[in-house]
Amino acid sequence: MGLFDQIGWRHGPALDLGRRWEAAEVGPALRELLAAGPAPEPVYGA
């Protein structure tokens, strides 16, 4: 059983530049996507 079998999977926001990412663009874009995503769910059994 894998990690996502236990916690489930949810789709979040996506960002497609329509081109290859420059290395300097990845960090800021990732932080933006994480901030825009859904809040984490409580851990099962907590």
PDB file of N, CA and C in Angstrom:
ATOM      1  N   MET A   1       0.855  -1.164   0.000  1.00  0.00           N
ATOM      2  CA  MET A   1       0.000   0.000   0.000  1.00  0.00           C
ATOM      3  C   MET A   1       0.904   1.230   0.000  1.00  0.00           C
ATOM      4  N   GLY A   2       0.632   2.172  -0.890  1.00  0.00           N
ATOM      5  CA  GLY A   2       1.440   3.382  -0.996  1.00  0.00           C
ATOM      6  C   GLY A   2       0.888   4.505  -0.141  1.00  0.00           C
ATOM      7  N   LEU A   3       1.644   5.574  -0.080  1.00  0.00           N
ATOM      8  CA  LEU A   3       1.262   6.739   0.714  1.00  0.00           C
ATOM      9  C   LEU A   3      -0.081   7.300   0.279  1.00  0.00           C
ATOM     10  N   PHE A   4      -0.296   7.450  -1.026  1.00  0.00           N
ATOM     11  CA  PHE A   4      -1.538   8.052  -1.495  1.00  0.00           C
ATOM     12  C   PHE A   4      -2.731   7.112  -1.360  1.00  0.00           C
ATOM     13  N   ASP A   5      -2.487   5.824  -1.198  1.00  0.00           N
ATOM     14  CA  ASP A   5      -3.575   4.899  -0.902  1.00  0.00           C
ATOM     15  C   ASP A   5      -4.119   5.179   0.495  1.00  0.00           C
ATOM     16  N   GLN A   6      -3.272   5.657   1.369  1.00  0.00           N
ATOM     17  CA  GLN A   6      -3.667   5.888   2.753  1.00  0.00           C
ATOM     18  C   GLN A   6      -4.248   7.273   2.961  1.00  0.00           C
ATOM     19  N   ILE A   7      -3.704   8.292   2.295  1.00  0.00           N
ATOM     20  CA  ILE A   7      -4.171   9.651   2.548  1.00  0.00           C
ATOM     21  C   ILE A   7      -5.103  10.181   1.480  1.00  0.00           C
ATOM     22  N   GLY A   8      -5.203   9.497   0.367  1.00  0.00           N
ATOM     23  CA  GLY A   8      -6.059   9.973  -0.710  1.00  0.00           C
ATOM     24  C   GLY A   8      -5.349  11.004  -1.567  1.00  0.00           C
ATOM     25  N   TRP A   9      -5.970  11.352  -2.650  1.00  0.00           N
ATOM     26  CA  TRP A   9      -5.383  12.305  -3.576  1.00  0.00           C
ATOM     27  C   TRP A   9      -6.408  13.356  -3.912  1.00  0.00           C
ATOM     28  N   ARG A  10      -5.983  14.588  -3.896  1.00  0.00           N
ATOM     29  CA  ARG A  10      -6.855  15.683  -4.297  1.00  0.00           C
ATOM     30  C   ARG A  10      -6.123  16.523  -5.328  1.00  0.00           C
ATOM     31  N   HIS A  11      -6.831  16.925  -6.364  1.00  0.00           N
ATOM     32  CA  HIS A  11      -6.245  17.806  -7.361  1.00  0.00           C
ATOM     33  C   HIS A  11      -6.193  19.219  -6.807  1.00  0.00           C
ATOM     34  N   GLY A  12      -5.171  19.920  -7.141  1.00  0.00           N
ATOM     35  CA  GLY A  12      -5.026  21.304  -6.724  1.00  0.00           C
ATOM     36  C   GLY A  12      -4.893  22.199  -7.942  1.00  0.00           C
ATOM     37  N   PRO A  13      -4.546  23.434  -7.709  1.00  0.00           N
ATOM     38  CA  PRO A  13      -4.388  24.365  -8.819  1.00  0.00           C
ATOM     39  C   PRO A  13      -3.209  23.964  -9.706  1.00  0.00           C
ATOM     40  N   ALA A  14      -3.242  24.418 -10.937  1.00  0.00           N
ATOM     41  CA  ALA A  14      -2.170  24.106 -11.888  1.00  0.00           C
ATOM     42  C   ALA A  14      -1.726  25.395 -12.572  1.00  0.00           C
ATOM     43  N   LEU A  15      -0.523  25.377 -13.064  1.00  0.00           N
ATOM     44  CA  LEU A  15       0.013  26.523 -13.783  1.00  0.00           C
ATOM     45  C   LEU A  15       0.829  26.002 -14.950  1.00  0.00           C
ATOM     46  N   ASP A  16       0.443  26.390 -16.146  1.00  0.00           N
ATOM     47  CA  ASP A  16       1.134  25.948 -17.356  1.00  0.00           C
ATOM     48  C   ASP A  16       1.551  27.191 -18.140  1.00  0.00           C
ATOM     49  N   LEU A  17       2.841  27.382 -18.283  1.00  0.00           N
ATOM     50  CA  LEU A  17       3.340  28.538 -19.023  1.00  0.00           C
ATOM     51  C   LEU A  17       3.268  28.331 -20.528  1.00  0.00           C
ATOM     52  N   GLY A  18       3.047  27.106 -20.941  1.00  0.00           N
ATOM     53  CA  GLY A  18       3.033  26.813 -22.367  1.00  0.00           C
ATOM     54  C   GLY A  18       4.437  26.739 -22.952  1.00  0.00           C
ATOM     55  N   ARG A  19       5.409  26.691 -22.081  1.00  0.00           N
ATOM     56  CA  ARG A  19       6.812  26.581 -22.474  1.00  0.00           C
ATOM     57  C   ARG A  19       7.583  25.939 -21.334  1.00  0.00           C
ATOM     58  N   ARG A  20       8.831  25.708 -21.561  1.00  0.00           N
ATOM     59  CA  ARG A  20       9.686  25.137 -20.524  1.00  0.00           C
ATOM     60  C   ARG A  20       9.956  26.176 -19.431  1.00  0.00           C
ATOM     61  N   TRP A  21       9.944  25.727 -18.175  1.00  0.00           N
ATOM     62  CA  TRP A  21      10.180  26.619 -17.038  1.00  0.00           C
ATOM     63  C   TRP A  21      11.656  26.982 -16.928  1.00  0.00           C
ATOM     64  N   GLU A  22      11.926  28.225 -16.603  1.00  0.00           N
ATOM     65  CA  GLU A  22      13.270  28.646 -16.216  1.00  0.00           C
ATOM     66  C   GLU A  22      13.433  28.280 -14.743  1.00  0.00           C
ATOM     67  N   ALA A  23      14.633  27.913 -14.333  1.00  0.00           N
ATOM     68  CA  ALA A  23      14.862  27.468 -12.956  1.00  0.00           C
ATOM     69  C   ALA A  23      14.429  28.524 -11.937  1.00  0.00           C
ATOM     70  N   ALA A  24      14.683  29.779 -12.206  1.00  0.00           N
ATOM     71  CA  ALA A  24      14.345  30.851 -11.266  1.00  0.00           C
ATOM     72  C   ALA A  24      12.834  31.059 -11.130  1.00  0.00           C
ATOM     73  N   GLU A  25      12.048  30.546 -12.053  1.00  0.00           N
ATOM     74  CA  GLU A  25      10.593  30.716 -12.016  1.00  0.00           C
ATOM     75  C   GLU A  25       9.898  29.663 -11.158  1.00  0.00           C
ATOM     76  N   VAL A  26      10.544  28.542 -10.952  1.00  0.00           N
ATOM     77  CA  VAL A  26       9.885  27.404 -10.309  1.00  0.00           C
ATOM     78  C   VAL A  26       9.537  27.682  -8.847  1.00  0.00           C
ATOM     79  N   GLY A  27      10.471  28.189  -8.057  1.00  0.00           N
ATOM     80  CA  GLY A  27      10.227  28.424  -6.632  1.00  0.00           C
ATOM     81  C   GLY A  27       9.057  29.352  -6.370  1.00  0.00           C
ATOM     82  N   PRO A  28       9.039  30.553  -6.965  1.00  0.00           N
ATOM     83  CA  PRO A  28       7.912  31.455  -6.745  1.00  0.00           C
ATOM     84  C   PRO A  28       6.575  30.867  -7.218  1.00  0.00           C
ATOM     85  N   ALA A  29       6.588  30.176  -8.351  1.00  0.00           N
ATOM     86  CA  ALA A  29       5.354  29.576  -8.853  1.00  0.00           C
ATOM     87  C   ALA A  29       4.862  28.478  -7.915  1.00  0.00           C
ATOM     88  N   LEU A  30       5.771  27.677  -7.393  1.00  0.00           N
ATOM     89  CA  LEU A  30       5.401  26.605  -6.474  1.00  0.00           C
ATOM     90  C   LEU A  30       4.784  27.171  -5.198  1.00  0.00           C
ATOM     91  N   ARG A  31       5.385  28.219  -4.644  1.00  0.00           N
ATOM     92  CA  ARG A  31       4.829  28.847  -3.443  1.00  0.00           C
ATOM     93  C   ARG A  31       3.440  29.408  -3.706  1.00  0.00           C
ATOM     94  N   GLU A  32       3.229  29.970  -4.882  1.00  0.00           N
ATOM     95  CA  GLU A  32       1.913  30.500  -5.258  1.00  0.00           C
ATOM     96  C   GLU A  32       0.875  29.378  -5.359  1.00  0.00           C
ATOM     97  N   LEU A  33       1.252  28.268  -5.966  1.00  0.00           N
ATOM     98  CA  LEU A  33       0.332  27.132  -6.103  1.00  0.00           C
ATOM     99  C   LEU A  33      -0.001  26.528  -4.741  1.00  0.00           C
ATOM    100  N   LEU A  34       0.996  26.397  -3.868  1.00  0.00           N
ATOM    101  CA  LEU A  34       0.745  25.851  -2.534  1.00  0.00           C
ATOM    102  C   LEU A  34      -0.197  26.758  -1.738  1.00  0.00           C
ATOM    103  N   ALA A  35      -0.034  28.061  -1.874  1.00  0.00           N
ATOM    104  CA  ALA A  35      -0.904  29.005  -1.166  1.00  0.00           C
ATOM    105  C   ALA A  35      -2.336  28.956  -1.702  1.00  0.00           C
ATOM    106  N   ALA A  36      -2.497  28.663  -2.986  1.00  0.00           N
ATOM    107  CA  ALA A  36      -3.819  28.642  -3.605  1.00  0.00           C
ATOM    108  C   ALA A  36      -4.536  27.298  -3.423  1.00  0.00           C
ATOM    109  N   GLY A  37      -3.825  26.280  -2.975  1.00  0.00           N
ATOM    110  CA  GLY A  37      -4.406  24.943  -2.839  1.00  0.00           C
ATOM    111  C   GLY A  37      -5.332  24.827  -1.645  1.00  0.00           C
ATOM    112  N   PRO A  38      -6.079  23.740  -1.583  1.00  0.00           N
ATOM    113  CA  PRO A  38      -6.987  23.519  -0.455  1.00  0.00           C
ATOM    114  C   PRO A  38      -6.221  23.278   0.839  1.00  0.00           C
ATOM    115  N   ALA A  39      -6.847  23.612   1.930  1.00  0.00           N
ATOM    116  CA  ALA A  39      -6.239  23.383   3.242  1.00  0.00           C
ATOM    117  C   ALA A  39      -6.103  21.892   3.504  1.00  0.00           C
ATOM    118  N   PRO A  40      -5.069  21.466   4.228  1.00  0.00           N
ATOM    119  CA  PRO A  40      -4.909  20.041   4.534  1.00  0.00           C
ATOM    120  C   PRO A  40      -6.072  19.522   5.384  1.00  0.00           C
ATOM    121  N   GLU A  41      -6.403  18.285   5.175  1.00  0.00           N
ATOM    122  CA  GLU A  41      -7.459  17.634   5.959  1.00  0.00           C
ATOM    123  C   GLU A  41      -6.852  17.083   7.248  1.00  0.00           C
ATOM    124  N   PRO A  42      -7.643  16.956   8.298  1.00  0.00           N
ATOM    125  CA  PRO A  42      -7.119  16.351   9.531  1.00  0.00           C
ATOM    126  C   PRO A  42      -6.667  14.908   9.277  1.00  0.00           C
ATOM    127  N   VAL A  43      -5.694  14.484  10.019  1.00  0.00           N
ATOM    128  CA  VAL A  43      -5.184  13.123   9.889  1.00  0.00           C
ATOM    129  C   VAL A  43      -6.250  12.150  10.380  1.00  0.00           C
ATOM    130  N   TYR A  44      -6.424  11.043   9.662  1.00  0.00           N
ATOM    131  CA  TYR A  44      -7.420  10.037  10.022  1.00  0.00           C
ATOM    132  C   TYR A  44      -7.143   9.535  11.447  1.00  0.00           C
ATOM    133  N   GLY A  45      -8.135   9.542  12.289  1.00  0.00           N
ATOM    134  CA  GLY A  45      -8.016   9.035  13.641  1.00  0.00           C
ATOM    135  C   GLY A  45      -7.575  10.081  14.645  1.00  0.00           C
ATOM    136  N   ALA A  46      -7.340  11.302  14.171  1.00  0.00           N
ATOM    137  CA  ALA A  46      -6.874  12.355  15.089  1.00  0.00           C
ATOM    138  C   ALA A  46      -8.055  13.050  15.759  1.00  0.00           C
TER     139      ALA A  46
END
